[in-house]
Amino acid sequence: MLPNPTLDKLQTLRLHGMIKSLGDQHATPDINDLSFDERFGLMVDRELTEREDARLTTRLKAARLRHNACLEDIDYRGRGLIQITGRANYAACGEALGLDLLKHPELLERPEHAAMSAGWFWHRAGLNTFADKSDFLTITKRINGGTNGLADRQALYERALKTLP
């Protein structure tokens, strides 16, 4: 078995597929018949498969959240600081930001685009009017469509107000 520091490094890098592949290789008696390149190739293949499976699982969960889930909308799950969802919102946000979010929805996972998409949503929903009135409840409903997590959000807001000058 590999020394713990190597496993720790793989764990730190979140290479869980490689860790599983190494375990499988150590449990296989004829593994030494394979070259290093072949064994390493097996590890890389396992890592790629694990990541693709995780990505598909995430997409399927996002699709199940909708009553009328459509395979075409799977890529347009919530992304950005204010979770932009749905094909129409991705199209409108992308047009406003000058990004092709329909072809590259993952761009909203980048910090700079995640922040800009939140600003776009805030402006489009007219939330400054409610923020000026400290109408936290209406802002929450406009962003989330409901009040799930309102108490936690309100507590964070109060804490932020105490921190800001």
N, C-alpha and C. Protein backbone atom coordinates (compact mmCIF):
# COMPACT_ATOMS: atom_id res chain seq x y z
N MET A 1 0.85 -1.19 0.00
CA MET A 1 0.00 0.00 0.00
C MET A 1 0.89 1.24 0.00
N LEU A 2 0.38 2.32 -0.54
CA LEU A 2 1.14 3.58 -0.59
C LEU A 2 1.30 4.16 0.80
N PRO A 3 2.40 4.89 0.99
CA PRO A 3 2.56 5.56 2.28
C PRO A 3 1.45 6.59 2.47
N ASN A 4 1.08 6.83 3.71
CA ASN A 4 -0.01 7.76 4.02
C ASN A 4 0.19 9.15 3.43
N PRO A 5 1.41 9.70 3.39
CA PRO A 5 1.55 11.04 2.80
C PRO A 5 1.08 11.10 1.35
N THR A 6 1.32 10.04 0.58
CA THR A 6 0.86 10.04 -0.81
C THR A 6 -0.65 10.01 -0.87
N LEU A 7 -1.27 9.16 -0.07
CA LEU A 7 -2.73 9.11 -0.03
C LEU A 7 -3.30 10.43 0.46
N ASP A 8 -2.63 11.03 1.44
CA ASP A 8 -3.09 12.33 1.94
C ASP A 8 -3.04 13.39 0.84
N LYS A 9 -1.99 13.35 0.03
CA LYS A 9 -1.88 14.31 -1.07
C LYS A 9 -2.98 14.09 -2.11
N LEU A 10 -3.25 12.84 -2.44
CA LEU A 10 -4.33 12.55 -3.38
C LEU A 10 -5.67 13.01 -2.81
N GLN A 11 -5.85 12.82 -1.51
CA GLN A 11 -7.08 13.26 -0.85
C GLN A 11 -7.18 14.78 -0.89
N THR A 12 -6.07 15.47 -0.61
CA THR A 12 -6.05 16.93 -0.64
C THR A 12 -6.40 17.45 -2.03
N LEU A 13 -5.92 16.76 -3.05
CA LEU A 13 -6.21 17.15 -4.43
C LEU A 13 -7.59 16.68 -4.89
N ARG A 14 -8.29 15.97 -4.02
CA ARG A 14 -9.63 15.45 -4.31
C ARG A 14 -9.63 14.52 -5.52
N LEU A 15 -8.62 13.69 -5.58
CA LEU A 15 -8.51 12.71 -6.66
C LEU A 15 -9.04 11.37 -6.15
N HIS A 16 -10.31 11.35 -5.81
CA HIS A 16 -10.93 10.18 -5.19
C HIS A 16 -10.94 8.97 -6.11
N GLY A 17 -11.11 9.19 -7.40
CA GLY A 17 -11.08 8.08 -8.35
C GLY A 17 -9.72 7.41 -8.38
N MET A 18 -8.66 8.21 -8.30
CA MET A 18 -7.31 7.65 -8.29
C MET A 18 -7.08 6.85 -7.01
N ILE A 19 -7.59 7.35 -5.90
CA ILE A 19 -7.43 6.63 -4.63
C ILE A 19 -8.12 5.26 -4.73
N LYS A 20 -9.34 5.24 -5.28
CA LYS A 20 -10.07 3.98 -5.44
C LYS A 20 -9.33 3.04 -6.39
N SER A 21 -8.80 3.60 -7.47
CA SER A 21 -8.08 2.79 -8.44
C SER A 21 -6.83 2.17 -7.81
N LEU A 22 -6.13 2.94 -7.00
CA LEU A 22 -4.94 2.40 -6.32
C LEU A 22 -5.32 1.25 -5.40
N GLY A 23 -6.42 1.43 -4.68
CA GLY A 23 -6.89 0.35 -3.80
C GLY A 23 -7.21 -0.90 -4.59
N ASP A 24 -7.88 -0.72 -5.72
CA ASP A 24 -8.21 -1.87 -6.58
C ASP A 24 -6.94 -2.52 -7.11
N GLN A 25 -5.96 -1.70 -7.50
CA GLN A 25 -4.72 -2.25 -8.04
C GLN A 25 -3.97 -3.05 -6.99
N HIS A 26 -3.93 -2.55 -5.77
CA HIS A 26 -3.22 -3.27 -4.71
C HIS A 26 -3.92 -4.57 -4.34
N ALA A 27 -5.21 -4.66 -4.62
CA ALA A 27 -5.96 -5.88 -4.32
C ALA A 27 -5.91 -6.89 -5.47
N THR A 28 -5.30 -6.51 -6.58
CA THR A 28 -5.23 -7.39 -7.75
C THR A 28 -3.86 -8.06 -7.79
N PRO A 29 -3.82 -9.40 -7.69
CA PRO A 29 -2.53 -10.09 -7.61
C PRO A 29 -1.63 -9.91 -8.83
N ASP A 30 -2.19 -9.84 -10.02
CA ASP A 30 -1.34 -9.76 -11.22
C ASP A 30 -1.12 -8.33 -11.71
N ILE A 31 -1.28 -7.35 -10.82
CA ILE A 31 -1.11 -5.95 -11.22
C ILE A 31 0.31 -5.66 -11.67
N ASN A 32 1.28 -6.40 -11.13
CA ASN A 32 2.68 -6.15 -11.50
C ASN A 32 2.98 -6.56 -12.93
N ASP A 33 2.05 -7.27 -13.58
CA ASP A 33 2.24 -7.62 -14.99
C ASP A 33 2.03 -6.41 -15.89
N LEU A 34 1.41 -5.36 -15.36
CA LEU A 34 1.17 -4.14 -16.14
C LEU A 34 2.33 -3.17 -15.97
N SER A 35 2.59 -2.39 -17.00
CA SER A 35 3.64 -1.36 -16.92
C SER A 35 3.13 -0.19 -16.08
N PHE A 36 4.04 0.68 -15.71
CA PHE A 36 3.65 1.89 -14.97
C PHE A 36 2.65 2.71 -15.77
N ASP A 37 2.92 2.88 -17.07
CA ASP A 37 2.01 3.66 -17.92
C ASP A 37 0.62 3.05 -17.94
N GLU A 38 0.52 1.73 -18.00
CA GLU A 38 -0.79 1.08 -18.00
C GLU A 38 -1.50 1.28 -16.66
N ARG A 39 -0.76 1.12 -15.57
CA ARG A 39 -1.37 1.31 -14.24
C ARG A 39 -1.80 2.76 -14.05
N PHE A 40 -0.94 3.68 -14.47
CA PHE A 40 -1.28 5.10 -14.34
C PHE A 40 -2.49 5.44 -15.22
N GLY A 41 -2.53 4.87 -16.42
CA GLY A 41 -3.68 5.07 -17.31
C GLY A 41 -4.98 4.60 -16.68
N LEU A 42 -4.93 3.47 -15.97
CA LEU A 42 -6.12 2.98 -15.27
C LEU A 42 -6.56 3.97 -14.19
N MET A 43 -5.59 4.55 -13.51
CA MET A 43 -5.92 5.53 -12.46
C MET A 43 -6.57 6.77 -13.05
N VAL A 44 -6.01 7.26 -14.15
CA VAL A 44 -6.55 8.46 -14.79
C VAL A 44 -7.95 8.18 -15.33
N ASP A 45 -8.13 7.01 -15.97
CA ASP A 45 -9.45 6.64 -16.47
C ASP A 45 -10.48 6.58 -15.34
N ARG A 46 -10.10 6.01 -14.22
CA ARG A 46 -11.02 5.90 -13.08
C ARG A 46 -11.38 7.29 -12.56
N GLU A 47 -10.39 8.16 -12.47
CA GLU A 47 -10.65 9.53 -12.00
C GLU A 47 -11.62 10.24 -12.93
N LEU A 48 -11.39 10.13 -14.22
CA LEU A 48 -12.27 10.77 -15.20
C LEU A 48 -13.69 10.22 -15.11
N THR A 49 -13.81 8.91 -14.98
CA THR A 49 -15.13 8.28 -14.85
C THR A 49 -15.84 8.77 -13.59
N GLU A 50 -15.12 8.85 -12.48
CA GLU A 50 -15.72 9.33 -11.22
C GLU A 50 -16.24 10.75 -11.38
N ARG A 51 -15.46 11.60 -12.03
CA ARG A 51 -15.87 13.00 -12.21
C ARG A 51 -17.07 13.12 -13.14
N GLU A 52 -17.05 12.35 -14.22
CA GLU A 52 -18.19 12.38 -15.15
C GLU A 52 -19.46 11.87 -14.46
N ASP A 53 -19.33 10.82 -13.65
CA ASP A 53 -20.48 10.31 -12.91
C ASP A 53 -21.02 11.35 -11.94
N ALA A 54 -20.12 12.04 -11.24
CA ALA A 54 -20.54 13.08 -10.29
C ALA A 54 -21.24 14.22 -11.01
N ARG A 55 -20.71 14.62 -12.16
CA ARG A 55 -21.32 15.70 -12.94
C ARG A 55 -22.72 15.30 -13.40
N LEU A 56 -22.87 14.08 -13.88
CA LEU A 56 -24.18 13.60 -14.33
C LEU A 56 -25.16 13.51 -13.16
N THR A 57 -24.69 13.04 -12.02
CA THR A 57 -25.55 12.97 -10.84
C THR A 57 -26.05 14.35 -10.45
N THR A 58 -25.17 15.34 -10.48
CA THR A 58 -25.56 16.71 -10.16
C THR A 58 -26.61 17.21 -11.14
N ARG A 59 -26.41 16.94 -12.41
CA ARG A 59 -27.37 17.39 -13.43
C ARG A 59 -28.72 16.71 -13.26
N LEU A 60 -28.70 15.43 -12.94
CA LEU A 60 -29.97 14.72 -12.76
C LEU A 60 -30.71 15.23 -11.53
N LYS A 61 -29.98 15.54 -10.46
CA LYS A 61 -30.62 16.11 -9.28
C LYS A 61 -31.26 17.45 -9.61
N ALA A 62 -30.55 18.26 -10.39
CA ALA A 62 -31.10 19.56 -10.78
C ALA A 62 -32.35 19.38 -11.61
N ALA A 63 -32.36 18.38 -12.48
CA ALA A 63 -33.53 18.14 -13.32
C ALA A 63 -34.72 17.67 -12.49
N ARG A 64 -34.46 16.88 -11.46
CA ARG A 64 -35.56 16.39 -10.62
C ARG A 64 -36.18 17.48 -9.78
N LEU A 65 -35.48 18.59 -9.59
CA LEU A 65 -36.02 19.69 -8.79
C LEU A 65 -37.19 20.36 -9.50
N ARG A 66 -37.26 20.23 -10.79
CA ARG A 66 -38.34 20.86 -11.55
C ARG A 66 -39.47 19.85 -11.76
N HIS A 67 -40.70 20.31 -11.70
CA HIS A 67 -41.83 19.42 -11.93
C HIS A 67 -41.85 18.94 -13.38
N ASN A 68 -41.56 19.82 -14.29
CA ASN A 68 -41.55 19.48 -15.71
C ASN A 68 -40.13 19.53 -16.23
N ALA A 69 -39.27 18.75 -15.62
CA ALA A 69 -37.86 18.76 -16.01
C ALA A 69 -37.71 18.39 -17.47
N CYS A 70 -36.81 19.08 -18.10
CA CYS A 70 -36.56 18.89 -19.52
C CYS A 70 -35.06 18.69 -19.68
N LEU A 71 -34.67 17.66 -20.42
CA LEU A 71 -33.24 17.38 -20.57
C LEU A 71 -32.49 18.58 -21.11
N GLU A 72 -33.14 19.37 -21.95
CA GLU A 72 -32.50 20.55 -22.52
C GLU A 72 -32.11 21.56 -21.43
N ASP A 73 -32.84 21.58 -20.31
CA ASP A 73 -32.59 22.55 -19.24
C ASP A 73 -31.58 22.07 -18.20
N ILE A 74 -31.12 20.84 -18.30
CA ILE A 74 -30.22 20.31 -17.27
C ILE A 74 -28.98 21.18 -17.11
N ASP A 75 -28.45 21.71 -18.20
CA ASP A 75 -27.24 22.52 -18.13
C ASP A 75 -27.49 23.89 -17.51
N TYR A 76 -28.74 24.28 -17.38
CA TYR A 76 -29.06 25.63 -16.91
C TYR A 76 -29.55 25.62 -15.47
N ARG A 77 -28.87 24.85 -14.64
CA ARG A 77 -29.18 24.79 -13.21
C ARG A 77 -28.63 26.03 -12.53
N GLY A 78 -28.94 26.20 -11.26
CA GLY A 78 -28.52 27.39 -10.53
C GLY A 78 -27.02 27.58 -10.47
N ARG A 79 -26.56 28.71 -10.98
CA ARG A 79 -25.15 29.08 -10.93
C ARG A 79 -25.06 30.57 -10.68
N GLY A 80 -23.92 31.01 -10.16
CA GLY A 80 -23.71 32.42 -9.87
C GLY A 80 -24.01 32.71 -8.41
N LEU A 81 -23.66 33.91 -7.97
CA LEU A 81 -23.88 34.26 -6.56
C LEU A 81 -25.36 34.31 -6.22
N ILE A 82 -26.17 34.81 -7.13
CA ILE A 82 -27.62 34.65 -7.03
C ILE A 82 -27.92 33.63 -8.10
N GLN A 83 -28.34 32.47 -7.69
CA GLN A 83 -28.47 31.32 -8.58
C GLN A 83 -29.34 31.60 -9.81
N ILE A 84 -28.68 31.83 -10.95
CA ILE A 84 -29.38 32.01 -12.22
C ILE A 84 -29.83 30.62 -12.69
N THR A 85 -31.12 30.46 -12.98
CA THR A 85 -31.64 29.16 -13.39
C THR A 85 -32.46 29.29 -14.67
N GLY A 86 -32.51 28.21 -15.43
CA GLY A 86 -33.35 28.13 -16.62
C GLY A 86 -32.72 28.73 -17.86
N ARG A 87 -33.08 28.16 -18.98
CA ARG A 87 -32.50 28.56 -20.27
C ARG A 87 -32.77 30.03 -20.58
N ALA A 88 -34.00 30.49 -20.35
CA ALA A 88 -34.35 31.88 -20.67
C ALA A 88 -33.52 32.86 -19.85
N ASN A 89 -33.32 32.58 -18.57
CA ASN A 89 -32.50 33.47 -17.74
C ASN A 89 -31.03 33.43 -18.14
N TYR A 90 -30.54 32.25 -18.51
CA TYR A 90 -29.16 32.15 -18.98
C TYR A 90 -28.99 32.98 -20.26
N ALA A 91 -29.98 32.91 -21.15
CA ALA A 91 -29.90 33.67 -22.41
C ALA A 91 -29.90 35.16 -22.13
N ALA A 92 -30.82 35.62 -21.28
CA ALA A 92 -30.92 37.05 -20.98
C ALA A 92 -29.68 37.55 -20.24
N CYS A 93 -29.22 36.79 -19.27
CA CYS A 93 -28.03 37.18 -18.52
C CYS A 93 -26.81 37.21 -19.44
N GLY A 94 -26.67 36.19 -20.27
CA GLY A 94 -25.55 36.13 -21.21
C GLY A 94 -25.54 37.31 -22.16
N GLU A 95 -26.72 37.68 -22.65
CA GLU A 95 -26.81 38.82 -23.56
C GLU A 95 -26.38 40.10 -22.84
N ALA A 96 -26.84 40.28 -21.61
CA ALA A 96 -26.50 41.49 -20.85
C ALA A 96 -25.01 41.56 -20.52
N LEU A 97 -24.41 40.41 -20.25
CA LEU A 97 -22.99 40.39 -19.86
C LEU A 97 -22.04 40.18 -21.04
N GLY A 98 -22.59 39.96 -22.23
CA GLY A 98 -21.74 39.71 -23.39
C GLY A 98 -21.07 38.35 -23.35
N LEU A 99 -21.77 37.36 -22.79
CA LEU A 99 -21.24 36.00 -22.69
C LEU A 99 -22.19 35.03 -23.39
N ASP A 100 -21.66 33.99 -23.98
CA ASP A 100 -22.51 32.97 -24.59
C ASP A 100 -22.79 31.90 -23.54
N LEU A 101 -23.74 32.20 -22.65
CA LEU A 101 -24.04 31.28 -21.56
C LEU A 101 -24.86 30.08 -22.02
N LEU A 102 -25.49 30.16 -23.17
CA LEU A 102 -26.22 29.00 -23.67
C LEU A 102 -25.26 27.91 -24.12
N LYS A 103 -24.14 28.29 -24.71
CA LYS A 103 -23.13 27.31 -25.13
C LYS A 103 -22.17 26.98 -23.99
N HIS A 104 -21.96 27.95 -23.10
CA HIS A 104 -20.98 27.76 -22.02
C HIS A 104 -21.58 28.18 -20.67
N PRO A 105 -22.59 27.43 -20.19
CA PRO A 105 -23.23 27.80 -18.92
C PRO A 105 -22.27 27.76 -17.74
N GLU A 106 -21.21 26.98 -17.85
CA GLU A 106 -20.24 26.86 -16.76
C GLU A 106 -19.48 28.16 -16.50
N LEU A 107 -19.57 29.13 -17.41
CA LEU A 107 -18.91 30.42 -17.19
C LEU A 107 -19.41 31.09 -15.91
N LEU A 108 -20.65 30.80 -15.52
CA LEU A 108 -21.19 31.41 -14.29
C LEU A 108 -20.56 30.81 -13.03
N GLU A 109 -19.72 29.81 -13.18
CA GLU A 109 -19.00 29.25 -12.04
C GLU A 109 -17.71 30.03 -11.77
N ARG A 110 -17.30 30.86 -12.70
CA ARG A 110 -16.11 31.70 -12.50
C ARG A 110 -16.50 32.88 -11.61
N PRO A 111 -15.66 33.22 -10.64
CA PRO A 111 -16.01 34.28 -9.68
C PRO A 111 -16.42 35.60 -10.33
N GLU A 112 -15.70 36.03 -11.37
CA GLU A 112 -16.01 37.32 -11.97
C GLU A 112 -17.38 37.31 -12.65
N HIS A 113 -17.72 36.20 -13.29
CA HIS A 113 -19.02 36.11 -13.96
C HIS A 113 -20.14 35.84 -12.95
N ALA A 114 -19.82 35.09 -11.90
CA ALA A 114 -20.81 34.83 -10.85
C ALA A 114 -21.25 36.14 -10.21
N ALA A 115 -20.29 37.02 -9.94
CA ALA A 115 -20.60 38.32 -9.34
C ALA A 115 -21.38 39.21 -10.31
N MET A 116 -20.96 39.23 -11.56
CA MET A 116 -21.66 40.06 -12.54
C MET A 116 -23.09 39.57 -12.77
N SER A 117 -23.29 38.26 -12.75
CA SER A 117 -24.65 37.72 -12.94
C SER A 117 -25.55 38.11 -11.77
N ALA A 118 -24.98 38.18 -10.57
CA ALA A 118 -25.77 38.61 -9.41
C ALA A 118 -26.18 40.06 -9.56
N GLY A 119 -25.26 40.89 -10.04
CA GLY A 119 -25.58 42.30 -10.29
C GLY A 119 -26.64 42.45 -11.35
N TRP A 120 -26.55 41.63 -12.41
CA TRP A 120 -27.55 41.65 -13.47
C TRP A 120 -28.93 41.31 -12.92
N PHE A 121 -28.99 40.23 -12.12
CA PHE A 121 -30.28 39.80 -11.56
C PHE A 121 -30.84 40.87 -10.63
N TRP A 122 -29.99 41.41 -9.77
CA TRP A 122 -30.40 42.45 -8.81
C TRP A 122 -31.02 43.64 -9.55
N HIS A 123 -30.34 44.08 -10.60
CA HIS A 123 -30.83 45.22 -11.38
C HIS A 123 -32.14 44.88 -12.09
N ARG A 124 -32.16 43.73 -12.75
CA ARG A 124 -33.34 43.32 -13.51
C ARG A 124 -34.57 43.15 -12.62
N ALA A 125 -34.38 42.68 -11.40
CA ALA A 125 -35.49 42.47 -10.46
C ALA A 125 -35.86 43.75 -9.72
N GLY A 126 -35.10 44.84 -9.95
CA GLY A 126 -35.40 46.11 -9.30
C GLY A 126 -35.24 46.05 -7.79
N LEU A 127 -34.23 45.35 -7.32
CA LEU A 127 -34.09 45.11 -5.89
C LEU A 127 -33.55 46.31 -5.11
N ASN A 128 -32.94 47.29 -5.79
CA ASN A 128 -32.45 48.47 -5.07
C ASN A 128 -33.58 49.20 -4.36
N THR A 129 -34.75 49.25 -4.98
CA THR A 129 -35.90 49.92 -4.37
C THR A 129 -36.22 49.30 -3.02
N PHE A 130 -36.18 47.98 -2.95
CA PHE A 130 -36.49 47.28 -1.70
C PHE A 130 -35.33 47.36 -0.71
N ALA A 131 -34.11 47.36 -1.23
CA ALA A 131 -32.94 47.49 -0.36
C ALA A 131 -32.93 48.86 0.30
N ASP A 132 -33.31 49.90 -0.45
CA ASP A 132 -33.36 51.25 0.12
C ASP A 132 -34.37 51.34 1.26
N LYS A 133 -35.39 50.50 1.23
CA LYS A 133 -36.42 50.49 2.28
C LYS A 133 -36.11 49.43 3.35
N SER A 134 -34.97 48.77 3.23
CA SER A 134 -34.60 47.66 4.12
C SER A 134 -35.68 46.57 4.13
N ASP A 135 -36.30 46.34 2.98
CA ASP A 135 -37.36 45.34 2.85
C ASP A 135 -36.73 43.99 2.51
N PHE A 136 -36.15 43.39 3.52
CA PHE A 136 -35.41 42.14 3.38
C PHE A 136 -36.31 41.00 2.91
N LEU A 137 -37.54 40.97 3.41
CA LEU A 137 -38.47 39.90 3.06
C LEU A 137 -38.79 39.89 1.56
N THR A 138 -39.08 41.04 1.00
CA THR A 138 -39.41 41.11 -0.43
C THR A 138 -38.20 40.73 -1.28
N ILE A 139 -37.03 41.19 -0.89
CA ILE A 139 -35.81 40.83 -1.62
C ILE A 139 -35.63 39.32 -1.61
N THR A 140 -35.81 38.71 -0.44
CA THR A 140 -35.67 37.26 -0.33
C THR A 140 -36.66 36.54 -1.23
N LYS A 141 -37.90 36.98 -1.23
CA LYS A 141 -38.92 36.34 -2.07
C LYS A 141 -38.62 36.52 -3.56
N ARG A 142 -38.11 37.68 -3.94
CA ARG A 142 -37.79 37.92 -5.35
C ARG A 142 -36.62 37.04 -5.82
N ILE A 143 -35.68 36.81 -4.92
CA ILE A 143 -34.52 36.00 -5.30
C ILE A 143 -34.85 34.51 -5.22
N ASN A 144 -35.46 34.09 -4.12
CA ASN A 144 -35.69 32.66 -3.89
C ASN A 144 -37.06 32.17 -4.29
N GLY A 145 -38.00 33.07 -4.49
CA GLY A 145 -39.35 32.65 -4.79
C GLY A 145 -40.12 32.25 -3.54
N GLY A 146 -39.49 32.34 -2.39
CA GLY A 146 -40.12 31.98 -1.12
C GLY A 146 -39.27 32.46 0.03
N THR A 147 -39.47 31.86 1.19
CA THR A 147 -38.75 32.32 2.38
C THR A 147 -37.89 31.23 3.01
N ASN A 148 -37.55 30.18 2.26
CA ASN A 148 -36.67 29.15 2.81
C ASN A 148 -35.35 29.77 3.26
N GLY A 149 -34.92 29.45 4.47
CA GLY A 149 -33.66 29.95 5.00
C GLY A 149 -33.68 31.41 5.40
N LEU A 150 -34.88 31.98 5.53
CA LEU A 150 -35.00 33.41 5.83
C LEU A 150 -34.32 33.78 7.14
N ALA A 151 -34.52 33.00 8.19
CA ALA A 151 -33.95 33.33 9.50
C ALA A 151 -32.42 33.37 9.45
N ASP A 152 -31.83 32.38 8.80
CA ASP A 152 -30.36 32.35 8.68
C ASP A 152 -29.86 33.54 7.87
N ARG A 153 -30.55 33.82 6.78
CA ARG A 153 -30.16 34.93 5.92
C ARG A 153 -30.29 36.26 6.66
N GLN A 154 -31.36 36.40 7.43
CA GLN A 154 -31.59 37.62 8.20
C GLN A 154 -30.49 37.80 9.25
N ALA A 155 -30.09 36.72 9.90
CA ALA A 155 -29.02 36.78 10.91
C ALA A 155 -27.70 37.21 10.26
N LEU A 156 -27.39 36.67 9.09
CA LEU A 156 -26.17 37.07 8.39
C LEU A 156 -26.23 38.54 7.99
N TYR A 157 -27.39 38.97 7.55
CA TYR A 157 -27.58 40.37 7.16
C TYR A 157 -27.36 41.29 8.36
N GLU A 158 -27.94 40.95 9.50
CA GLU A 158 -27.77 41.76 10.71
C GLU A 158 -26.30 41.81 11.12
N ARG A 159 -25.63 40.68 11.01
CA ARG A 159 -24.20 40.62 11.35
C ARG A 159 -23.39 41.52 10.41
N ALA A 160 -23.72 41.48 9.13
CA ALA A 160 -23.01 42.32 8.15
C ALA A 160 -23.24 43.79 8.44
N LEU A 161 -24.46 44.16 8.81
CA LEU A 161 -24.75 45.56 9.13
C LEU A 161 -23.92 46.07 10.30
N LYS A 162 -23.68 45.20 11.28
CA LYS A 162 -22.87 45.58 12.44
C LYS A 162 -21.40 45.76 12.06
N THR A 163 -20.97 45.03 11.05
CA THR A 163 -19.57 45.07 10.62
C THR A 163 -19.28 46.27 9.74
N LEU A 164 -20.25 46.63 8.91
CA LEU A 164 -20.05 47.74 7.98
C LEU A 164 -20.18 49.08 8.71
N PRO A 165 -19.41 50.09 8.24
CA PRO A 165 -19.49 51.40 8.91
C PRO A 165 -20.82 52.10 8.67
